[in-house]
Amino acid sequence: MKLTREGVKLYPFLERTILQFHAMQEKVNEIKGLETGVIRIGTISSVTCHWLPQLMKEFQQLYPKVQFLLHQGDYTSIQEWIKIGAVDFGFVTPPVVSGLETITIKDGEMLAVLPKKHPMASKDNIDLKDIAAEPFILLEEGHYNEPLKVFRNQGLEPNIKYTLHDDYAIMIMVEAELVLQRTNFNLVALPTEPAITRTLAVEYKDKNSLPIASKYFIDFIISNIHKLP
């Protein structure tokens, strides 16, 4: 049994049609998968507050039935959550990552936050030597901490009084006289000398094994990097 002369000529077109049909079926299955998808993200508080609300809102306009489940932690715990499968992906700084795929999202400068009435609040920038002896509230970031690294590279040890996980809890404590009032934060944020910088990236074990909704959301984040503050 063999193809006719006409069949031989038509066969490549039939083959391409079948391949395109299979590709269309796969795309339909992916879209259907987003109807009930749950995206599990490991995140730090600053990303939770400043990046994710707008990203999630815009993504749900495209896929309204997708749900988000956020696990807030530090660099160390988020990396572990990714490895054991508790979250699909997370936001971590690349220097702490081992055994994960990484996509760098954004670099940024970290600032020193002071009460407006602090003697150094009127300066243009803060020398780390000047604040090393001041009471210091540290943001818990796991085994790797950018400010501590820069302090120690300068031969300095900050006077750490408290260590907290949440950025906003820290700001409340900094403005000590306003703790009971919950008004707008009465603070100034100043650059440091030397500068303290941070790189944030999306990490995951294997993109091919991610749930469809999480794959789509990672791609959505990457395509919207220019919108992130």
Protein backbone atom coordinates (compact mmCIF):
# COMPACT_ATOMS: atom_id res chain seq x y z
CA MET A 1 0.00 0.00 0.00
CA LYS A 2 1.46 3.32 -1.00
CA LEU A 3 0.52 6.93 -1.63
CA THR A 4 -0.70 7.99 -5.03
CA ARG A 5 1.25 10.58 -6.97
CA GLU A 6 -1.23 13.21 -5.82
CA GLY A 7 -0.97 11.94 -2.21
CA VAL A 8 2.82 12.35 -2.25
CA LYS A 9 2.39 16.00 -3.22
CA LEU A 10 -0.26 16.61 -0.54
CA TYR A 11 1.47 14.70 2.29
CA PRO A 12 3.79 17.56 3.50
CA PHE A 13 0.79 19.89 3.73
CA LEU A 14 -1.23 17.29 5.65
CA GLU A 15 1.70 16.70 8.00
CA ARG A 16 2.06 20.43 8.74
CA THR A 17 -1.71 20.72 9.28
CA ILE A 18 -1.65 17.88 11.83
CA LEU A 19 1.33 19.42 13.67
CA GLN A 20 -0.39 22.81 13.80
CA PHE A 21 -3.57 21.15 15.08
CA HIS A 22 -1.61 19.48 17.90
CA ALA A 23 0.07 22.78 18.73
CA MET A 24 -3.36 24.44 18.87
CA GLN A 25 -4.65 21.69 21.19
CA GLU A 26 -1.68 22.19 23.53
CA LYS A 27 -2.32 25.94 23.63
CA VAL A 28 -6.02 25.36 24.36
CA ASN A 29 -5.07 23.02 27.22
CA GLU A 30 -2.71 25.66 28.63
CA ILE A 31 -5.41 28.33 28.52
CA LYS A 32 -7.89 25.97 30.18
CA GLY A 33 -5.30 25.26 32.84
CA LEU A 34 -5.32 28.93 33.84
CA GLU A 35 -9.03 28.86 34.59
CA THR A 36 -8.43 27.20 37.96
CA GLY A 37 -4.71 27.83 38.44
CA VAL A 38 -3.12 28.66 41.79
CA ILE A 39 0.19 30.58 41.74
CA ARG A 40 2.27 30.00 44.89
CA ILE A 41 4.98 32.61 45.44
CA GLY A 42 7.70 32.98 48.06
CA THR A 43 8.22 36.70 48.63
CA ILE A 44 9.81 39.30 50.88
CA SER A 45 7.73 42.10 52.37
CA SER A 46 8.98 44.90 50.10
CA VAL A 47 8.09 42.89 46.96
CA THR A 48 4.72 41.96 48.49
CA CYS A 49 3.88 45.62 49.06
CA HIS A 50 5.44 47.41 46.09
CA TRP A 51 5.52 45.00 43.15
CA LEU A 52 2.94 42.26 43.50
CA PRO A 53 -0.34 44.18 44.00
CA GLN A 54 -0.27 45.85 40.57
CA LEU A 55 1.22 42.80 38.82
CA MET A 56 -1.45 40.50 40.27
CA LYS A 57 -4.25 42.94 39.46
CA GLU A 58 -3.22 43.24 35.80
CA PHE A 59 -2.63 39.49 35.45
CA GLN A 60 -6.08 38.70 36.86
CA GLN A 61 -7.63 41.03 34.31
CA LEU A 62 -6.28 38.60 31.69
CA TYR A 63 -6.99 35.43 33.70
CA PRO A 64 -9.69 36.32 36.25
CA LYS A 65 -10.01 32.83 37.80
CA VAL A 66 -6.33 32.45 38.68
CA GLN A 67 -5.61 32.63 42.42
CA PHE A 68 -2.44 33.74 44.25
CA LEU A 69 -1.01 32.22 47.42
CA LEU A 70 1.83 34.28 48.95
CA HIS A 71 4.33 32.92 51.47
CA GLN A 72 6.32 35.76 53.03
CA GLY A 73 9.76 34.99 54.41
CA ASP A 74 13.46 35.75 54.03
CA TYR A 75 16.08 34.77 51.46
CA THR A 76 16.92 31.50 53.23
CA SER A 77 13.38 30.28 53.87
CA ILE A 78 12.15 31.21 50.37
CA GLN A 79 14.97 29.24 48.75
CA GLU A 80 14.07 26.20 50.87
CA TRP A 81 10.36 26.54 50.03
CA ILE A 82 11.22 26.47 46.33
CA LYS A 83 13.39 23.36 46.72
CA ILE A 84 10.78 21.36 48.66
CA GLY A 85 7.92 22.49 46.43
CA ALA A 86 6.04 24.58 49.01
CA VAL A 87 6.05 27.45 46.46
CA ASP A 88 6.35 27.43 42.68
CA PHE A 89 8.90 30.24 42.55
CA GLY A 90 10.19 33.07 44.70
CA PHE A 91 11.97 36.41 44.87
CA VAL A 92 15.52 36.04 46.22
CA THR A 93 18.85 37.81 45.77
CA PRO A 94 21.16 35.79 43.45
CA PRO A 95 24.17 35.52 45.84
CA VAL A 96 22.20 33.21 48.16
CA VAL A 97 20.94 30.89 45.42
CA SER A 98 22.23 27.36 44.86
CA GLY A 99 20.70 24.68 42.69
CA LEU A 100 17.97 26.92 41.22
CA GLU A 101 17.35 28.67 37.91
CA THR A 102 17.54 32.46 38.21
CA ILE A 103 16.18 35.40 36.22
CA THR A 104 17.40 38.80 37.41
CA ILE A 105 14.55 41.28 37.70
CA LYS A 106 15.90 44.53 39.10
CA ASP A 107 18.83 46.21 40.88
CA GLY A 108 18.18 48.88 43.48
CA GLU A 109 19.79 50.98 46.18
CA MET A 110 18.93 50.40 49.83
CA LEU A 111 18.48 53.51 52.00
CA ALA A 112 19.01 54.38 55.64
CA VAL A 113 15.68 55.21 57.31
CA LEU A 114 15.72 57.75 60.16
CA PRO A 115 13.13 59.68 62.19
CA LYS A 116 12.76 63.23 60.85
CA LYS A 117 13.93 64.59 64.20
CA HIS A 118 17.17 62.60 64.14
CA PRO A 119 20.35 64.80 64.17
CA MET A 120 21.53 63.25 60.88
CA ALA A 121 18.16 63.53 59.11
CA SER A 122 19.14 66.79 57.39
CA LYS A 123 22.22 65.32 55.69
CA ASP A 124 22.36 64.52 51.98
CA ASN A 125 23.67 61.03 52.69
CA ILE A 126 24.67 58.91 55.67
CA ASP A 127 28.20 57.66 56.25
CA LEU A 128 28.05 54.15 57.67
CA LYS A 129 30.76 55.11 60.16
CA ASP A 130 28.43 57.74 61.62
CA ILE A 131 25.54 55.36 62.24
CA ALA A 132 27.46 52.24 63.29
CA ALA A 133 27.03 53.12 66.98
CA GLU A 134 23.39 54.24 66.61
CA PRO A 135 20.59 51.84 67.67
CA PHE A 136 19.98 49.75 64.55
CA ILE A 137 16.88 47.76 63.53
CA LEU A 138 17.82 45.01 61.10
CA LEU A 139 15.55 43.48 58.45
CA GLU A 140 15.81 39.69 58.76
CA GLU A 141 16.90 38.33 55.38
CA GLY A 142 18.26 34.90 56.30
CA HIS A 143 21.90 33.86 56.00
CA TYR A 144 22.71 36.68 53.57
CA ASN A 145 22.15 40.33 54.45
CA GLU A 146 23.29 43.17 52.16
CA PRO A 147 23.61 45.93 54.83
CA LEU A 148 25.57 43.68 57.22
CA LYS A 149 27.91 42.69 54.39
CA VAL A 150 28.68 46.33 53.54
CA PHE A 151 29.13 47.28 57.21
CA ARG A 152 31.59 44.42 57.74
CA ASN A 153 33.46 45.20 54.51
CA GLN A 154 34.10 48.62 56.08
CA GLY A 155 35.34 47.02 59.31
CA LEU A 156 32.18 48.13 61.15
CA GLU A 157 29.69 46.29 63.34
CA PRO A 158 26.25 47.92 63.63
CA ASN A 159 24.62 48.29 67.05
CA ILE A 160 21.69 45.95 66.33
CA LYS A 161 18.88 46.32 68.87
CA TYR A 162 16.08 44.47 67.04
CA THR A 163 15.74 42.09 64.11
CA LEU A 164 12.37 41.93 62.33
CA HIS A 165 10.93 40.27 59.21
CA ASP A 166 8.59 43.07 58.17
CA ASP A 167 9.67 46.40 56.61
CA TYR A 168 6.62 48.25 57.88
CA ALA A 169 6.99 47.02 61.45
CA ILE A 170 10.54 48.36 61.34
CA MET A 171 9.36 51.78 60.16
CA ILE A 172 6.84 51.95 62.98
CA MET A 173 9.58 51.22 65.51
CA VAL A 174 11.93 53.79 63.94
CA GLU A 175 9.38 56.54 64.43
CA ALA A 176 9.11 55.56 68.12
CA GLU A 177 6.97 58.47 69.23
CA LEU A 178 4.23 57.51 66.71
CA VAL A 179 3.88 53.84 67.61
CA LEU A 180 0.50 54.31 69.27
CA GLN A 181 -0.92 56.68 66.67
CA ARG A 182 -0.54 54.75 63.32
CA THR A 183 -0.27 57.97 61.34
CA ASN A 184 1.75 58.34 58.14
CA PHE A 185 5.38 57.41 58.66
CA ASN A 186 7.31 60.46 59.88
CA LEU A 187 10.63 59.39 58.40
CA VAL A 188 13.40 60.30 55.99
CA ALA A 189 15.19 57.82 53.73
CA LEU A 190 18.76 58.72 52.78
CA PRO A 191 21.43 57.09 50.61
CA THR A 192 24.47 55.70 52.40
CA GLU A 193 28.19 56.09 51.83
CA PRO A 194 29.30 53.59 50.65
CA ALA A 195 26.10 52.69 48.83
CA ILE A 196 24.21 49.51 49.71
CA THR A 197 22.69 47.83 46.66
CA ARG A 198 20.44 44.82 46.21
CA THR A 199 19.62 42.62 43.24
CA LEU A 200 16.29 40.80 43.18
CA ALA A 201 15.59 37.84 40.95
CA VAL A 202 12.93 35.22 40.31
CA GLU A 203 14.09 31.70 41.16
CA TYR A 204 12.57 28.29 40.49
CA LYS A 205 13.73 24.68 40.19
CA ASP A 206 12.76 23.92 36.60
CA LYS A 207 10.54 26.11 34.45
CA ASN A 208 9.37 23.15 32.36
CA SER A 209 7.89 21.48 35.44
CA LEU A 210 6.16 24.63 36.77
CA PRO A 211 2.36 24.83 36.79
CA ILE A 212 1.05 26.57 33.68
CA ALA A 213 -0.26 29.58 35.62
CA SER A 214 3.11 30.16 37.29
CA LYS A 215 4.93 29.95 33.94
CA TYR A 216 2.60 32.57 32.53
CA PHE A 217 2.98 34.84 35.54
CA ILE A 218 6.80 34.67 35.44
CA ASP A 219 6.69 35.65 31.77
CA PHE A 220 4.24 38.43 32.67
CA ILE A 221 6.64 39.75 35.36
CA ILE A 222 9.54 39.77 32.90
CA SER A 223 7.52 41.63 30.27
CA ASN A 224 6.52 44.26 32.86
CA ILE A 225 9.90 44.88 34.52
CA HIS A 226 9.89 48.45 33.20
CA LYS A 227 6.80 49.22 35.33
CA LEU A 228 8.33 48.11 38.64
CA PRO A 229 9.35 50.90 41.06
